[in-house]
Structures are given as structure tokens and as C-alpha cells.
């Protein structure tokens, strides 16, 4: 896609359960998380650091066949954050 002469990357919308780096809690690349509809939005050529493997990974890298991957859905973090907030209020 080109906008005003600048090449722009496509954005990809993924359900949080899809096992790619962009949907993992251990990936530190740029992403937008929509908690209401449980989707992650990334630029298709985005990359970031996997904090478990200490390697640079593409956002859309499929992790299902990696033996040293500790992929973790973003959902558990939201539940833990809510529990921590509840405890703080008590």
C-alpha cells in the first residue's frame, strides 16, 4: 500500500489465541491490544524481541513447532491484573 508516496505496511488483526509471536506475553514488539474483542493488531512486517529466547522474531512468526518456545496467551495477564486490582482494593 502506498500513501503520499510512502510505502505503508498492512495491519493484521489476530485473535489472541493464535500462536504467533505477536499474541504472546513474552514478545515485546509493537502491537495494539483490543481487550473488548480480544484481538491483537500488528503491522504485517513488524518484529520484536522474544524475552524467553532472547531472539529477534517477526510478529507473525508461527511458534507451534518451536520446542524452546513458552508461548503464553495475553489473556492470562489480563486476568492476573484484574485479580491484583481486586486485592489492592480489599
N, C-alpha and C. Protein backbone atom coordinates (compact mmCIF):
# COMPACT_ATOMS: atom_id res chain seq x y z
N UNK A 1 0.85 -1.15 0.00
CA UNK A 1 0.00 0.00 0.00
C UNK A 1 0.90 1.23 0.00
N UNK A 2 0.55 2.25 -0.80
CA UNK A 2 1.32 3.49 -0.86
C UNK A 2 0.41 4.66 -0.53
N UNK A 3 0.86 5.53 0.35
CA UNK A 3 0.10 6.71 0.75
C UNK A 3 1.03 7.92 0.68
N UNK A 4 0.69 8.88 -0.16
CA UNK A 4 1.51 10.08 -0.35
C UNK A 4 2.96 9.74 -0.69
N UNK A 5 3.14 8.74 -1.51
CA UNK A 5 4.47 8.35 -1.95
C UNK A 5 5.27 7.52 -0.97
N UNK A 6 4.70 7.24 0.20
CA UNK A 6 5.39 6.45 1.22
C UNK A 6 4.78 5.06 1.27
N UNK A 7 5.65 4.04 1.21
CA UNK A 7 5.15 2.67 1.29
C UNK A 7 4.69 2.39 2.71
N UNK A 8 3.47 1.88 2.84
CA UNK A 8 2.91 1.59 4.16
C UNK A 8 2.63 0.10 4.26
N UNK A 9 2.86 -0.45 5.42
CA UNK A 9 2.60 -1.87 5.65
C UNK A 9 1.14 -2.09 5.99
N UNK A 10 0.67 -3.28 5.69
CA UNK A 10 -0.70 -3.65 6.04
C UNK A 10 -0.76 -3.98 7.52
N UNK A 11 -1.93 -3.73 8.11
CA UNK A 11 -2.15 -4.12 9.51
C UNK A 11 -2.88 -5.45 9.49
N UNK A 12 -2.55 -6.30 10.44
CA UNK A 12 -3.14 -7.62 10.56
C UNK A 12 -3.85 -7.69 11.90
N UNK A 13 -5.07 -8.21 11.88
CA UNK A 13 -5.86 -8.38 13.10
C UNK A 13 -5.90 -9.87 13.42
N UNK A 14 -5.46 -10.22 14.63
CA UNK A 14 -5.36 -11.62 15.04
C UNK A 14 -6.14 -11.88 16.32
N UNK A 15 -6.85 -13.00 16.39
CA UNK A 15 -7.43 -13.39 17.68
C UNK A 15 -6.28 -13.66 18.65
N UNK A 16 -6.49 -13.38 19.91
CA UNK A 16 -5.39 -13.52 20.88
C UNK A 16 -4.94 -14.97 21.05
N UNK A 17 -5.75 -15.95 20.63
CA UNK A 17 -5.38 -17.36 20.79
C UNK A 17 -4.45 -17.88 19.69
N UNK A 18 -4.28 -17.11 18.61
CA UNK A 18 -3.44 -17.57 17.50
C UNK A 18 -1.99 -17.61 17.98
N UNK A 19 -1.32 -18.73 17.76
CA UNK A 19 0.01 -18.92 18.31
C UNK A 19 1.11 -18.38 17.37
N UNK A 20 1.22 -17.06 17.39
CA UNK A 20 2.32 -16.36 16.71
C UNK A 20 2.95 -15.45 17.76
N UNK A 21 4.14 -14.96 17.49
CA UNK A 21 4.86 -14.14 18.46
C UNK A 21 4.06 -12.92 18.91
N UNK A 22 3.35 -12.27 18.00
CA UNK A 22 2.63 -11.04 18.34
C UNK A 22 1.55 -11.25 19.39
N UNK A 23 1.06 -12.46 19.57
CA UNK A 23 0.00 -12.73 20.54
C UNK A 23 0.53 -13.30 21.85
N UNK A 24 1.82 -13.32 22.01
CA UNK A 24 2.45 -13.90 23.20
C UNK A 24 2.81 -12.81 24.21
N UNK A 25 2.64 -13.11 25.49
CA UNK A 25 3.00 -12.15 26.53
C UNK A 25 4.50 -11.92 26.60
N UNK A 26 5.30 -12.82 26.06
CA UNK A 26 6.75 -12.71 26.12
C UNK A 26 7.37 -11.98 24.93
N UNK A 27 6.55 -11.44 24.05
CA UNK A 27 7.06 -10.73 22.86
C UNK A 27 6.93 -9.24 23.10
N UNK A 28 8.00 -8.47 22.87
CA UNK A 28 7.97 -7.05 23.21
C UNK A 28 7.86 -6.11 22.00
N UNK A 29 7.43 -6.62 20.86
CA UNK A 29 7.27 -5.77 19.69
C UNK A 29 6.04 -4.87 19.78
N UNK A 30 5.91 -3.97 18.81
CA UNK A 30 4.78 -3.04 18.81
C UNK A 30 3.50 -3.75 18.38
N UNK A 31 2.47 -3.57 19.18
CA UNK A 31 1.16 -4.14 18.89
C UNK A 31 0.10 -3.33 19.62
N UNK A 32 -1.11 -3.45 19.14
CA UNK A 32 -2.26 -2.86 19.82
C UNK A 32 -3.13 -4.00 20.29
N UNK A 33 -3.58 -3.93 21.52
CA UNK A 33 -4.42 -4.99 22.08
C UNK A 33 -5.80 -4.40 22.36
N UNK A 34 -6.81 -4.98 21.73
CA UNK A 34 -8.18 -4.58 21.98
C UNK A 34 -8.78 -5.63 22.90
N UNK A 35 -8.85 -5.31 24.18
CA UNK A 35 -9.31 -6.28 25.17
C UNK A 35 -10.80 -6.58 25.08
N UNK A 36 -11.58 -5.64 24.55
CA UNK A 36 -13.02 -5.86 24.44
C UNK A 36 -13.36 -6.98 23.47
N UNK A 37 -12.69 -7.01 22.33
CA UNK A 37 -12.99 -8.05 21.33
C UNK A 37 -11.88 -9.10 21.24
N UNK A 38 -10.89 -9.00 22.12
CA UNK A 38 -9.80 -9.97 22.23
C UNK A 38 -9.05 -10.17 20.92
N UNK A 39 -8.58 -9.06 20.34
CA UNK A 39 -7.77 -9.14 19.14
C UNK A 39 -6.49 -8.33 19.34
N UNK A 40 -5.48 -8.72 18.58
CA UNK A 40 -4.20 -8.04 18.58
C UNK A 40 -4.01 -7.50 17.17
N UNK A 41 -3.58 -6.25 17.07
CA UNK A 41 -3.36 -5.62 15.77
C UNK A 41 -1.87 -5.31 15.66
N UNK A 42 -1.26 -5.80 14.56
CA UNK A 42 0.15 -5.54 14.29
C UNK A 42 0.33 -5.17 12.83
N UNK A 43 1.42 -4.52 12.54
CA UNK A 43 1.81 -4.28 11.16
C UNK A 43 2.42 -5.58 10.66
N UNK A 44 2.07 -5.99 9.45
CA UNK A 44 2.46 -7.33 8.98
C UNK A 44 3.97 -7.57 8.94
N UNK A 45 4.78 -6.52 8.84
CA UNK A 45 6.23 -6.73 8.79
C UNK A 45 6.91 -6.32 10.10
N UNK A 46 6.13 -6.20 11.18
CA UNK A 46 6.66 -5.80 12.48
C UNK A 46 7.48 -6.94 13.09
N UNK A 47 8.46 -6.56 13.88
CA UNK A 47 9.25 -7.56 14.60
C UNK A 47 9.57 -7.03 15.99
N UNK A 48 10.04 -7.91 16.85
CA UNK A 48 10.38 -7.53 18.22
C UNK A 48 11.22 -8.61 18.86
N UNK A 49 11.52 -8.42 20.12
CA UNK A 49 12.38 -9.34 20.86
C UNK A 49 11.53 -10.34 21.65
N UNK A 50 11.88 -11.61 21.55
CA UNK A 50 11.28 -12.63 22.39
C UNK A 50 12.10 -12.65 23.68
N UNK A 51 11.47 -12.31 24.81
CA UNK A 51 12.23 -12.23 26.05
C UNK A 51 12.58 -13.61 26.62
N UNK A 52 11.91 -14.66 26.17
CA UNK A 52 12.24 -16.01 26.61
C UNK A 52 13.46 -16.53 25.87
N UNK A 53 13.42 -16.42 24.54
CA UNK A 53 14.51 -16.94 23.73
C UNK A 53 15.64 -15.93 23.51
N UNK A 54 15.38 -14.67 23.87
CA UNK A 54 16.33 -13.58 23.64
C UNK A 54 16.75 -13.51 22.18
N UNK A 55 15.73 -13.62 21.29
CA UNK A 55 15.95 -13.57 19.85
C UNK A 55 14.99 -12.59 19.22
N UNK A 56 15.42 -12.00 18.12
CA UNK A 56 14.56 -11.12 17.34
C UNK A 56 13.59 -11.98 16.54
N UNK A 57 12.28 -11.70 16.65
CA UNK A 57 11.26 -12.51 15.99
C UNK A 57 10.27 -11.63 15.25
N UNK A 58 9.80 -12.11 14.11
CA UNK A 58 8.74 -11.43 13.36
C UNK A 58 7.43 -11.59 14.12
N UNK A 59 6.58 -10.58 14.04
CA UNK A 59 5.29 -10.62 14.74
C UNK A 59 4.45 -11.82 14.34
N UNK A 60 4.49 -12.18 13.06
CA UNK A 60 3.65 -13.26 12.55
C UNK A 60 4.36 -14.61 12.52
N UNK A 61 5.46 -14.72 13.23
CA UNK A 61 6.22 -15.98 13.29
C UNK A 61 5.38 -17.04 14.01
N UNK A 62 5.13 -18.16 13.33
CA UNK A 62 4.35 -19.28 13.87
C UNK A 62 5.21 -20.03 14.89
N UNK A 63 4.73 -20.14 16.11
CA UNK A 63 5.53 -20.75 17.18
C UNK A 63 5.14 -22.18 17.51
N UNK A 64 4.16 -22.74 16.82
CA UNK A 64 3.65 -24.06 17.19
C UNK A 64 4.67 -25.17 17.09
N UNK A 65 5.67 -25.04 16.24
CA UNK A 65 6.66 -26.12 16.07
C UNK A 65 7.98 -25.84 16.78
N UNK A 66 8.07 -24.76 17.53
CA UNK A 66 9.31 -24.43 18.23
C UNK A 66 9.35 -25.10 19.58
N UNK A 67 10.35 -25.93 19.80
CA UNK A 67 10.45 -26.67 21.06
C UNK A 67 10.83 -25.78 22.24
N UNK A 68 11.59 -24.73 22.01
CA UNK A 68 12.05 -23.88 23.11
C UNK A 68 11.16 -22.66 23.33
N UNK A 69 9.95 -22.69 22.80
CA UNK A 69 9.02 -21.57 22.93
C UNK A 69 8.13 -21.76 24.15
N UNK A 70 7.90 -20.68 24.90
CA UNK A 70 6.99 -20.72 26.04
C UNK A 70 5.81 -19.80 25.77
N UNK A 71 5.22 -19.91 24.57
CA UNK A 71 4.12 -19.02 24.17
C UNK A 71 3.06 -18.98 25.26
N UNK A 72 2.63 -17.77 25.59
CA UNK A 72 1.63 -17.56 26.62
C UNK A 72 0.63 -16.54 26.11
N UNK A 73 -0.63 -16.91 26.05
CA UNK A 73 -1.71 -16.05 25.58
C UNK A 73 -1.75 -14.77 26.41
N UNK A 74 -2.07 -13.66 25.81
CA UNK A 74 -2.20 -12.40 26.53
C UNK A 74 -3.34 -12.42 27.54
N UNK A 75 -4.32 -13.28 27.38
CA UNK A 75 -5.48 -13.34 28.27
C UNK A 75 -5.11 -13.58 29.73
N UNK A 76 -4.22 -14.51 30.06
CA UNK A 76 -3.91 -14.73 31.47
C UNK A 76 -3.39 -13.47 32.16
N UNK A 77 -2.64 -12.62 31.46
CA UNK A 77 -2.14 -11.40 32.06
C UNK A 77 -3.28 -10.47 32.45
N UNK A 78 -4.29 -10.37 31.62
CA UNK A 78 -5.43 -9.51 31.93
C UNK A 78 -6.15 -10.03 33.17
N UNK A 79 -6.28 -11.34 33.30
CA UNK A 79 -6.95 -11.92 34.47
C UNK A 79 -6.13 -11.65 35.72
N UNK A 80 -4.81 -11.81 35.63
CA UNK A 80 -3.95 -11.57 36.78
C UNK A 80 -3.98 -10.10 37.18
N UNK A 81 -4.03 -9.20 36.22
CA UNK A 81 -4.09 -7.77 36.51
C UNK A 81 -5.39 -7.44 37.23
N UNK A 82 -6.49 -8.04 36.82
CA UNK A 82 -7.77 -7.80 37.48
C UNK A 82 -7.75 -8.34 38.90
N UNK A 83 -7.15 -9.50 39.12
CA UNK A 83 -7.05 -10.08 40.45
C UNK A 83 -6.21 -9.20 41.36
N UNK A 84 -5.11 -8.68 40.83
CA UNK A 84 -4.24 -7.81 41.61
C UNK A 84 -4.97 -6.52 41.99
N UNK A 85 -5.76 -5.98 41.06
CA UNK A 85 -6.53 -4.76 41.35
C UNK A 85 -7.57 -5.03 42.42
N UNK A 86 -8.23 -6.21 42.37
CA UNK A 86 -9.21 -6.57 43.38
C UNK A 86 -8.58 -6.67 44.77
N UNK A 87 -7.40 -7.28 44.84
CA UNK A 87 -6.70 -7.44 46.11
C UNK A 87 -6.29 -6.09 46.68
N UNK A 88 -5.88 -5.17 45.79
CA UNK A 88 -5.45 -3.85 46.21
C UNK A 88 -6.60 -3.07 46.85
N UNK A 89 -7.81 -3.25 46.31
CA UNK A 89 -8.99 -2.53 46.81
C UNK A 89 -9.46 -3.09 48.15
N UNK A 90 -9.15 -4.35 48.42
CA UNK A 90 -9.62 -5.01 49.65
C UNK A 90 -8.87 -4.56 50.88
